[in-house]
Amino acid sequence: MSQNKEDLKNKIIYRASYRGTKEMDILMIDFIKSIIDKFDKDKLQVLDEFVNMDDEILKSIRNKEAFLNIKDKIFLEIVDRFQKHPL
């Protein structure tokens, strides 16, 4: 596995672990760890964008309250997995 991919994975895991609220930390790190090893570098880059979204937007996505005009298939896959991920 390339070092760049590992660095990106570590960056995503770190960001998921330090969200700002304990509840979101727990949710995000569990979600990220459940999918991160299955993703290639392209999907990891999109996952990095996702994990860097504002907590309030992520909560709205999780609760299916946010309407997002998303055309990127990878991003849609991540959102779908996030919404279906058990608490």
PDB file of N, CA and C in Angstrom:
ATOM      1  N   MET A   1       0.844  -1.172   0.000  1.00  0.00           N
ATOM      2  CA  MET A   1       0.000   0.000   0.000  1.00  0.00           C
ATOM      3  C   MET A   1       0.890   1.235   0.000  1.00  0.00           C
ATOM      4  N   SER A   2       0.526   2.209  -0.805  1.00  0.00           N
ATOM      5  CA  SER A   2       1.384   3.388  -0.904  1.00  0.00           C
ATOM      6  C   SER A   2       1.319   4.220   0.368  1.00  0.00           C
ATOM      7  N   GLN A   3       2.398   4.912   0.619  1.00  0.00           N
ATOM      8  CA  GLN A   3       2.479   5.754   1.811  1.00  0.00           C
ATOM      9  C   GLN A   3       1.443   6.877   1.757  1.00  0.00           C
ATOM     10  N   ASN A   4       1.208   7.424   0.563  1.00  0.00           N
ATOM     11  CA  ASN A   4       0.228   8.499   0.443  1.00  0.00           C
ATOM     12  C   ASN A   4      -1.164   8.042   0.857  1.00  0.00           C
ATOM     13  N   LYS A   5      -1.516   6.823   0.492  1.00  0.00           N
ATOM     14  CA  LYS A   5      -2.825   6.276   0.874  1.00  0.00           C
ATOM     15  C   LYS A   5      -2.896   6.102   2.384  1.00  0.00           C
ATOM     16  N   GLU A   6      -1.837   5.605   2.975  1.00  0.00           N
ATOM     17  CA  GLU A   6      -1.802   5.442   4.432  1.00  0.00           C
ATOM     18  C   GLU A   6      -1.869   6.787   5.148  1.00  0.00           C
ATOM     19  N   ASP A   7      -1.161   7.773   4.622  1.00  0.00           N
ATOM     20  CA  ASP A   7      -1.207   9.113   5.210  1.00  0.00           C
ATOM     21  C   ASP A   7      -2.624   9.677   5.157  1.00  0.00           C
ATOM     22  N   LEU A   8      -3.290   9.490   4.028  1.00  0.00           N
ATOM     23  CA  LEU A   8      -4.659   9.972   3.875  1.00  0.00           C
ATOM     24  C   LEU A   8      -5.594   9.250   4.842  1.00  0.00           C
ATOM     25  N   LYS A   9      -5.436   7.955   4.980  1.00  0.00           N
ATOM     26  CA  LYS A   9      -6.256   7.198   5.928  1.00  0.00           C
ATOM     27  C   LYS A   9      -6.044   7.705   7.356  1.00  0.00           C
ATOM     28  N   ASN A  10      -4.797   7.934   7.725  1.00  0.00           N
ATOM     29  CA  ASN A  10      -4.495   8.440   9.069  1.00  0.00           C
ATOM     30  C   ASN A  10      -5.098   9.825   9.293  1.00  0.00           C
ATOM     31  N   LYS A  11      -5.045  10.658   8.281  1.00  0.00           N
ATOM     32  CA  LYS A  11      -5.623  12.009   8.361  1.00  0.00           C
ATOM     33  C   LYS A  11      -7.138  11.925   8.578  1.00  0.00           C
ATOM     34  N   ILE A  12      -7.795  11.051   7.834  1.00  0.00           N
ATOM     35  CA  ILE A  12      -9.246  10.885   7.950  1.00  0.00           C
ATOM     36  C   ILE A  12      -9.614  10.355   9.332  1.00  0.00           C
ATOM     37  N   ILE A  13      -8.898   9.354   9.803  1.00  0.00           N
ATOM     38  CA  ILE A  13      -9.166   8.789  11.127  1.00  0.00           C
ATOM     39  C   ILE A  13      -8.959   9.835  12.216  1.00  0.00           C
ATOM     40  N   TYR A  14      -7.910  10.614  12.099  1.00  0.00           N
ATOM     41  CA  TYR A  14      -7.650  11.665  13.088  1.00  0.00           C
ATOM     42  C   TYR A  14      -8.798  12.671  13.112  1.00  0.00           C
ATOM     43  N   ARG A  15      -9.217  13.128  11.931  1.00  0.00           N
ATOM     44  CA  ARG A  15     -10.289  14.125  11.854  1.00  0.00           C
ATOM     45  C   ARG A  15     -11.594  13.555  12.385  1.00  0.00           C
ATOM     46  N   ALA A  16     -11.861  12.310  12.097  1.00  0.00           N
ATOM     47  CA  ALA A  16     -13.084  11.670  12.596  1.00  0.00           C
ATOM     48  C   ALA A  16     -13.068  11.558  14.112  1.00  0.00           C
ATOM     49  N   SER A  17     -11.892  11.449  14.694  1.00  0.00           N
ATOM     50  CA  SER A  17     -11.754  11.269  16.146  1.00  0.00           C
ATOM     51  C   SER A  17     -11.877  12.565  16.935  1.00  0.00           C
ATOM     52  N   TYR A  18     -11.648  13.689  16.291  1.00  0.00           N
ATOM     53  CA  TYR A  18     -11.636  14.982  16.992  1.00  0.00           C
ATOM     54  C   TYR A  18     -12.571  15.958  16.303  1.00  0.00           C
ATOM     55  N   ARG A  19     -13.874  15.710  16.448  1.00  0.00           N
ATOM     56  CA  ARG A  19     -14.902  16.501  15.794  1.00  0.00           C
ATOM     57  C   ARG A  19     -15.257  17.762  16.571  1.00  0.00           C
ATOM     58  N   GLY A  20     -15.259  17.688  17.878  1.00  0.00           N
ATOM     59  CA  GLY A  20     -15.674  18.820  18.686  1.00  0.00           C
ATOM     60  C   GLY A  20     -16.702  18.421  19.727  1.00  0.00           C
ATOM     61  N   THR A  21     -17.517  17.437  19.401  1.00  0.00           N
ATOM     62  CA  THR A  21     -18.455  16.904  20.391  1.00  0.00           C
ATOM     63  C   THR A  21     -18.195  15.412  20.536  1.00  0.00           C
ATOM     64  N   LYS A  22     -18.325  14.924  21.730  1.00  0.00           N
ATOM     65  CA  LYS A  22     -18.051  13.515  22.008  1.00  0.00           C
ATOM     66  C   LYS A  22     -18.977  12.588  21.212  1.00  0.00           C
ATOM     67  N   GLU A  23     -20.250  12.990  21.091  1.00  0.00           N
ATOM     68  CA  GLU A  23     -21.208  12.161  20.364  1.00  0.00           C
ATOM     69  C   GLU A  23     -20.804  12.007  18.900  1.00  0.00           C
ATOM     70  N   MET A  24     -20.406  13.110  18.272  1.00  0.00           N
ATOM     71  CA  MET A  24     -20.014  13.048  16.866  1.00  0.00           C
ATOM     72  C   MET A  24     -18.677  12.319  16.716  1.00  0.00           C
ATOM     73  N   ASP A  25     -17.774  12.493  17.684  1.00  0.00           N
ATOM     74  CA  ASP A  25     -16.519  11.739  17.664  1.00  0.00           C
ATOM     75  C   ASP A  25     -16.794  10.240  17.613  1.00  0.00           C
ATOM     76  N   ILE A  26     -17.672   9.785  18.481  1.00  0.00           N
ATOM     77  CA  ILE A  26     -17.981   8.359  18.577  1.00  0.00           C
ATOM     78  C   ILE A  26     -18.632   7.865  17.289  1.00  0.00           C
ATOM     79  N   LEU A  27     -19.612   8.596  16.803  1.00  0.00           N
ATOM     80  CA  LEU A  27     -20.309   8.200  15.580  1.00  0.00           C
ATOM     81  C   LEU A  27     -19.366   8.164  14.385  1.00  0.00           C
ATOM     82  N   MET A  28     -18.592   9.218  14.207  1.00  0.00           N
ATOM     83  CA  MET A  28     -17.740   9.316  13.027  1.00  0.00           C
ATOM     84  C   MET A  28     -16.603   8.303  13.046  1.00  0.00           C
ATOM     85  N   ILE A  29     -15.966   8.109  14.173  1.00  0.00           N
ATOM     86  CA  ILE A  29     -14.836   7.176  14.189  1.00  0.00           C
ATOM     87  C   ILE A  29     -15.333   5.753  13.954  1.00  0.00           C
ATOM     88  N   ASP A  30     -16.478   5.404  14.501  1.00  0.00           N
ATOM     89  CA  ASP A  30     -17.029   4.075  14.266  1.00  0.00           C
ATOM     90  C   ASP A  30     -17.392   3.907  12.786  1.00  0.00           C
ATOM     91  N   PHE A  31     -18.021   4.901  12.209  1.00  0.00           N
ATOM     92  CA  PHE A  31     -18.393   4.854  10.798  1.00  0.00           C
ATOM     93  C   PHE A  31     -17.156   4.761   9.907  1.00  0.00           C
ATOM     94  N   ILE A  32     -16.191   5.631  10.156  1.00  0.00           N
ATOM     95  CA  ILE A  32     -14.980   5.664   9.327  1.00  0.00           C
ATOM     96  C   ILE A  32     -14.224   4.335   9.411  1.00  0.00           C
ATOM     97  N   LYS A  33     -14.065   3.825  10.604  1.00  0.00           N
ATOM     98  CA  LYS A  33     -13.331   2.561  10.758  1.00  0.00           C
ATOM     99  C   LYS A  33     -14.055   1.388  10.093  1.00  0.00           C
ATOM    100  N   SER A  34     -15.371   1.489   9.947  1.00  0.00           N
ATOM    101  CA  SER A  34     -16.123   0.397   9.325  1.00  0.00           C
ATOM    102  C   SER A  34     -15.957   0.360   7.806  1.00  0.00           C
ATOM    103  N   ILE A  35     -15.505   1.471   7.211  1.00  0.00           N
ATOM    104  CA  ILE A  35     -15.419   1.511   5.745  1.00  0.00           C
ATOM    105  C   ILE A  35     -14.035   1.816   5.188  1.00  0.00           C
ATOM    106  N   ILE A  36     -13.177   2.407   5.961  1.00  0.00           N
ATOM    107  CA  ILE A  36     -11.942   2.986   5.421  1.00  0.00           C
ATOM    108  C   ILE A  36     -11.031   1.969   4.728  1.00  0.00           C
ATOM    109  N   ASP A  37     -10.954   0.768   5.224  1.00  0.00           N
ATOM    110  CA  ASP A  37     -10.054  -0.227   4.623  1.00  0.00           C
ATOM    111  C   ASP A  37     -10.580  -0.777   3.300  1.00  0.00           C
ATOM    112  N   LYS A  38     -11.836  -0.524   3.002  1.00  0.00           N
ATOM    113  CA  LYS A  38     -12.446  -1.003   1.753  1.00  0.00           C
ATOM    114  C   LYS A  38     -12.295   0.008   0.614  1.00  0.00           C
ATOM    115  N   PHE A  39     -11.806   1.197   0.917  1.00  0.00           N
ATOM    116  CA  PHE A  39     -11.778   2.279  -0.067  1.00  0.00           C
ATOM    117  C   PHE A  39     -10.421   2.391  -0.748  1.00  0.00           C
ATOM    118  N   ASP A  40     -10.475   2.697  -2.047  1.00  0.00           N
ATOM    119  CA  ASP A  40      -9.251   2.998  -2.781  1.00  0.00           C
ATOM    120  C   ASP A  40      -8.930   4.486  -2.583  1.00  0.00           C
ATOM    121  N   LYS A  41      -7.857   4.937  -3.188  1.00  0.00           N
ATOM    122  CA  LYS A  41      -7.404   6.311  -2.956  1.00  0.00           C
ATOM    123  C   LYS A  41      -8.432   7.353  -3.412  1.00  0.00           C
ATOM    124  N   ASP A  42      -9.103   7.108  -4.539  1.00  0.00           N
ATOM    125  CA  ASP A  42     -10.114   8.059  -5.016  1.00  0.00           C
ATOM    126  C   ASP A  42     -11.265   8.192  -4.028  1.00  0.00           C
ATOM    127  N   LYS A  43     -11.733   7.070  -3.516  1.00  0.00           N
ATOM    128  CA  LYS A  43     -12.816   7.110  -2.533  1.00  0.00           C
ATOM    129  C   LYS A  43     -12.347   7.735  -1.224  1.00  0.00           C
ATOM    130  N   LEU A  44     -11.099   7.492  -0.871  1.00  0.00           N
ATOM    131  CA  LEU A  44     -10.560   8.097   0.351  1.00  0.00           C
ATOM    132  C   LEU A  44     -10.523   9.618   0.246  1.00  0.00           C
ATOM    133  N   GLN A  45     -10.229  10.130  -0.910  1.00  0.00           N
ATOM    134  CA  GLN A  45     -10.206  11.585  -1.093  1.00  0.00           C
ATOM    135  C   GLN A  45     -11.599  12.178  -0.900  1.00  0.00           C
ATOM    136  N   VAL A  46     -12.608  11.496  -1.386  1.00  0.00           N
ATOM    137  CA  VAL A  46     -13.980  11.957  -1.193  1.00  0.00           C
ATOM    138  C   VAL A  46     -14.371  11.799   0.276  1.00  0.00           C
ATOM    139  N   LEU A  47     -13.961  10.707   0.896  1.00  0.00           N
ATOM    140  CA  LEU A  47     -14.225  10.496   2.317  1.00  0.00           C
ATOM    141  C   LEU A  47     -13.583  11.596   3.157  1.00  0.00           C
ATOM    142  N   ASP A  48     -12.419  12.053   2.755  1.00  0.00           N
ATOM    143  CA  ASP A  48     -11.753  13.155   3.444  1.00  0.00           C
ATOM    144  C   ASP A  48     -12.606  14.423   3.371  1.00  0.00           C
ATOM    145  N   GLU A  49     -13.183  14.700   2.226  1.00  0.00           N
ATOM    146  CA  GLU A  49     -14.085  15.851   2.095  1.00  0.00           C
ATOM    147  C   GLU A  49     -15.289  15.683   3.018  1.00  0.00           C
ATOM    148  N   PHE A  50     -15.841  14.484   3.039  1.00  0.00           N
ATOM    149  CA  PHE A  50     -17.014  14.216   3.866  1.00  0.00           C
ATOM    150  C   PHE A  50     -16.718  14.421   5.345  1.00  0.00           C
ATOM    151  N   VAL A  51     -15.628  13.856   5.807  1.00  0.00           N
ATOM    152  CA  VAL A  51     -15.302  13.920   7.232  1.00  0.00           C
ATOM    153  C   VAL A  51     -14.962  15.352   7.677  1.00  0.00           C
ATOM    154  N   ASN A  52     -14.647  16.220   6.745  1.00  0.00           N
ATOM    155  CA  ASN A  52     -14.331  17.604   7.074  1.00  0.00           C
ATOM    156  C   ASN A  52     -15.534  18.533   6.997  1.00  0.00           C
ATOM    157  N   MET A  53     -16.707  17.969   6.747  1.00  0.00           N
ATOM    158  CA  MET A  53     -17.920  18.781   6.743  1.00  0.00           C
ATOM    159  C   MET A  53     -18.257  19.198   8.170  1.00  0.00           C
ATOM    160  N   ASP A  54     -18.988  20.283   8.284  1.00  0.00           N
ATOM    161  CA  ASP A  54     -19.425  20.808   9.570  1.00  0.00           C
ATOM    162  C   ASP A  54     -20.319  19.788  10.289  1.00  0.00           C
ATOM    163  N   ASP A  55     -20.190  19.700  11.601  1.00  0.00           N
ATOM    164  CA  ASP A  55     -20.971  18.747  12.389  1.00  0.00           C
ATOM    165  C   ASP A  55     -22.475  18.919  12.199  1.00  0.00           C
ATOM    166  N   GLU A  56     -22.946  20.149  12.118  1.00  0.00           N
ATOM    167  CA  GLU A  56     -24.379  20.380  11.959  1.00  0.00           C
ATOM    168  C   GLU A  56     -24.888  19.842  10.623  1.00  0.00           C
ATOM    169  N   ILE A  57     -24.103  19.979   9.588  1.00  0.00           N
ATOM    170  CA  ILE A  57     -24.477  19.428   8.285  1.00  0.00           C
ATOM    171  C   ILE A  57     -24.483  17.908   8.354  1.00  0.00           C
ATOM    172  N   LEU A  58     -23.469  17.339   8.994  1.00  0.00           N
ATOM    173  CA  LEU A  58     -23.409  15.884   9.134  1.00  0.00           C
ATOM    174  C   LEU A  58     -24.592  15.348   9.943  1.00  0.00           C
ATOM    175  N   LYS A  59     -24.994  16.069  10.980  1.00  0.00           N
ATOM    176  CA  LYS A  59     -26.166  15.655  11.762  1.00  0.00           C
ATOM    177  C   LYS A  59     -27.414  15.686  10.894  1.00  0.00           C
ATOM    178  N   SER A  60     -27.544  16.722  10.084  1.00  0.00           N
ATOM    179  CA  SER A  60     -28.699  16.826   9.187  1.00  0.00           C
ATOM    180  C   SER A  60     -28.691  15.711   8.153  1.00  0.00           C
ATOM    181  N   ILE A  61     -27.531  15.381   7.647  1.00  0.00           N
ATOM    182  CA  ILE A  61     -27.411  14.267   6.698  1.00  0.00           C
ATOM    183  C   ILE A  61     -27.800  12.970   7.385  1.00  0.00           C
ATOM    184  N   ARG A  62     -27.272  12.773   8.561  1.00  0.00           N
ATOM    185  CA  ARG A  62     -27.542  11.544   9.320  1.00  0.00           C
ATOM    186  C   ARG A  62     -29.037  11.364   9.563  1.00  0.00           C
ATOM    187  N   ASN A  63     -29.717  12.463   9.881  1.00  0.00           N
ATOM    188  CA  ASN A  63     -31.147  12.427  10.191  1.00  0.00           C
ATOM    189  C   ASN A  63     -32.024  12.569   8.949  1.00  0.00           C
ATOM    190  N   LYS A  64     -31.386  12.589   7.783  1.00  0.00           N
ATOM    191  CA  LYS A  64     -32.077  12.721   6.495  1.00  0.00           C
ATOM    192  C   LYS A  64     -32.897  14.002   6.428  1.00  0.00           C
ATOM    193  N   GLU A  65     -32.383  15.061   7.049  1.00  0.00           N
ATOM    194  CA  GLU A  65     -33.054  16.353   7.046  1.00  0.00           C
ATOM    195  C   GLU A  65     -32.455  17.296   6.011  1.00  0.00           C
ATOM    196  N   ALA A  66     -31.235  17.029   5.626  1.00  0.00           N
ATOM    197  CA  ALA A  66     -30.541  17.924   4.694  1.00  0.00           C
ATOM    198  C   ALA A  66     -30.817  17.504   3.264  1.00  0.00           C
ATOM    199  N   PHE A  67     -31.052  18.487   2.436  1.00  0.00           N
ATOM    200  CA  PHE A  67     -31.172  18.236   1.005  1.00  0.00           C
ATOM    201  C   PHE A  67     -29.858  18.660   0.377  1.00  0.00           C
ATOM    202  N   LEU A  68     -29.156  17.696  -0.150  1.00  0.00           N
ATOM    203  CA  LEU A  68     -27.874  17.981  -0.770  1.00  0.00           C
ATOM    204  C   LEU A  68     -27.972  17.730  -2.259  1.00  0.00           C
ATOM    205  N   ASN A  69     -27.521  18.672  -3.027  1.00  0.00           N
ATOM    206  CA  ASN A  69     -27.505  18.515  -4.471  1.00  0.00           C
ATOM    207  C   ASN A  69     -26.176  17.871  -4.846  1.00  0.00           C
ATOM    208  N   ILE A  70     -26.136  16.549  -4.713  1.00  0.00           N
ATOM    209  CA  ILE A  70     -24.901  15.805  -4.911  1.00  0.00           C
ATOM    210  C   ILE A  70     -24.982  15.035  -6.217  1.00  0.00           C
ATOM    211  N   LYS A  71     -23.974  15.207  -7.020  1.00  0.00           N
ATOM    212  CA  LYS A  71     -23.920  14.482  -8.285  1.00  0.00           C
ATOM    213  C   LYS A  71     -22.801  13.440  -8.286  1.00  0.00           C
ATOM    214  N   ASP A  72     -21.888  13.537  -7.354  1.00  0.00           N
ATOM    215  CA  ASP A  72     -20.761  12.614  -7.285  1.00  0.00           C
ATOM    216  C   ASP A  72     -21.228  11.279  -6.716  1.00  0.00           C
ATOM    217  N   LYS A  73     -21.075  10.218  -7.487  1.00  0.00           N
ATOM    218  CA  LYS A  73     -21.549   8.896  -7.073  1.00  0.00           C
ATOM    219  C   LYS A  73     -20.846   8.395  -5.824  1.00  0.00           C
ATOM    220  N   ILE A  74     -19.571   8.661  -5.706  1.00  0.00           N
ATOM    221  CA  ILE A  74     -18.824   8.213  -4.527  1.00  0.00           C
ATOM    222  C   ILE A  74     -19.341   8.930  -3.280  1.00  0.00           C
ATOM    223  N   PHE A  75     -19.565  10.233  -3.390  1.00  0.00           N
ATOM    224  CA  PHE A  75     -20.072  10.996  -2.255  1.00  0.00           C
ATOM    225  C   PHE A  75     -21.456  10.491  -1.856  1.00  0.00           C
ATOM    226  N   LEU A  76     -22.299  10.206  -2.839  1.00  0.00           N
ATOM    227  CA  LEU A  76     -23.627   9.663  -2.552  1.00  0.00           C
ATOM    228  C   LEU A  76     -23.535   8.316  -1.845  1.00  0.00           C
ATOM    229  N   GLU A  77     -22.591   7.486  -2.261  1.00  0.00           N
ATOM    230  CA  GLU A  77     -22.387   6.189  -1.608  1.00  0.00           C
ATOM    231  C   GLU A  77     -22.001   6.386  -0.142  1.00  0.00           C
ATOM    232  N   ILE A  78     -21.119   7.335   0.129  1.00  0.00           N
ATOM    233  CA  ILE A  78     -20.691   7.603   1.503  1.00  0.00           C
ATOM    234  C   ILE A  78     -21.866   8.108   2.335  1.00  0.00           C
ATOM    235  N   VAL A  79     -22.647   9.035   1.786  1.00  0.00           N
ATOM    236  CA  VAL A  79     -23.812   9.567   2.498  1.00  0.00           C
ATOM    237  C   VAL A  79     -24.787   8.439   2.808  1.00  0.00           C
ATOM    238  N   ASP A  80     -25.046   7.581   1.843  1.00  0.00           N
ATOM    239  CA  ASP A  80     -25.967   6.465   2.043  1.00  0.00           C
ATOM    240  C   ASP A  80     -25.468   5.540   3.151  1.00  0.00           C
ATOM    241  N   ARG A  81     -24.196   5.215   3.114  1.00  0.00           N
ATOM    242  CA  ARG A  81     -23.624   4.353   4.166  1.00  0.00           C
ATOM    243  C   ARG A  81     -23.701   5.024   5.535  1.00  0.00           C
ATOM    244  N   PHE A  82     -23.448   6.333   5.569  1.00  0.00           N
ATOM    245  CA  PHE A  82     -23.489   7.081   6.822  1.00  0.00           C
ATOM    246  C   PHE A  82     -24.906   7.067   7.397  1.00  0.00           C
ATOM    247  N   GLN A  83     -25.899   7.256   6.559  1.00  0.00           N
ATOM    248  CA  GLN A  83     -27.280   7.267   7.027  1.00  0.00           C
ATOM    249  C   GLN A  83     -27.712   5.892   7.525  1.00  0.00           C
ATOM    250  N   LYS A  84     -27.190   4.840   6.944  1.00  0.00           N
ATOM    251  CA  LYS A  84     -27.570   3.483   7.320  1.00  0.00           C
ATOM    252  C   LYS A  84     -26.714   2.896   8.438  1.00  0.00           C
ATOM    253  N   HIS A  85     -25.614   3.562   8.765  1.00  0.00           N
ATOM    254  CA  HIS A  85     -24.699   3.020   9.784  1.00  0.00           C
ATOM    255  C   HIS A  85     -25.389   2.998  11.152  1.00  0.00           C
ATOM    256  N   PRO A  86     -25.343   1.844  11.818  1.00  0.00           N
ATOM    257  CA  PRO A  86     -26.004   1.757  13.139  1.00  0.00           C
ATOM    258  C   PRO A  86     -25.284   2.615  14.169  1.00  0.00           C
ATOM    259  N   LEU A  87     -26.061   3.108  15.092  1.00  0.00           N
ATOM    260  CA  LEU A  87     -25.496   3.939  16.177  1.00  0.00           C
ATOM    261  C   LEU A  87     -24.749   3.119  17.169  1.00  0.00           C
TER     262      LEU A  87
END
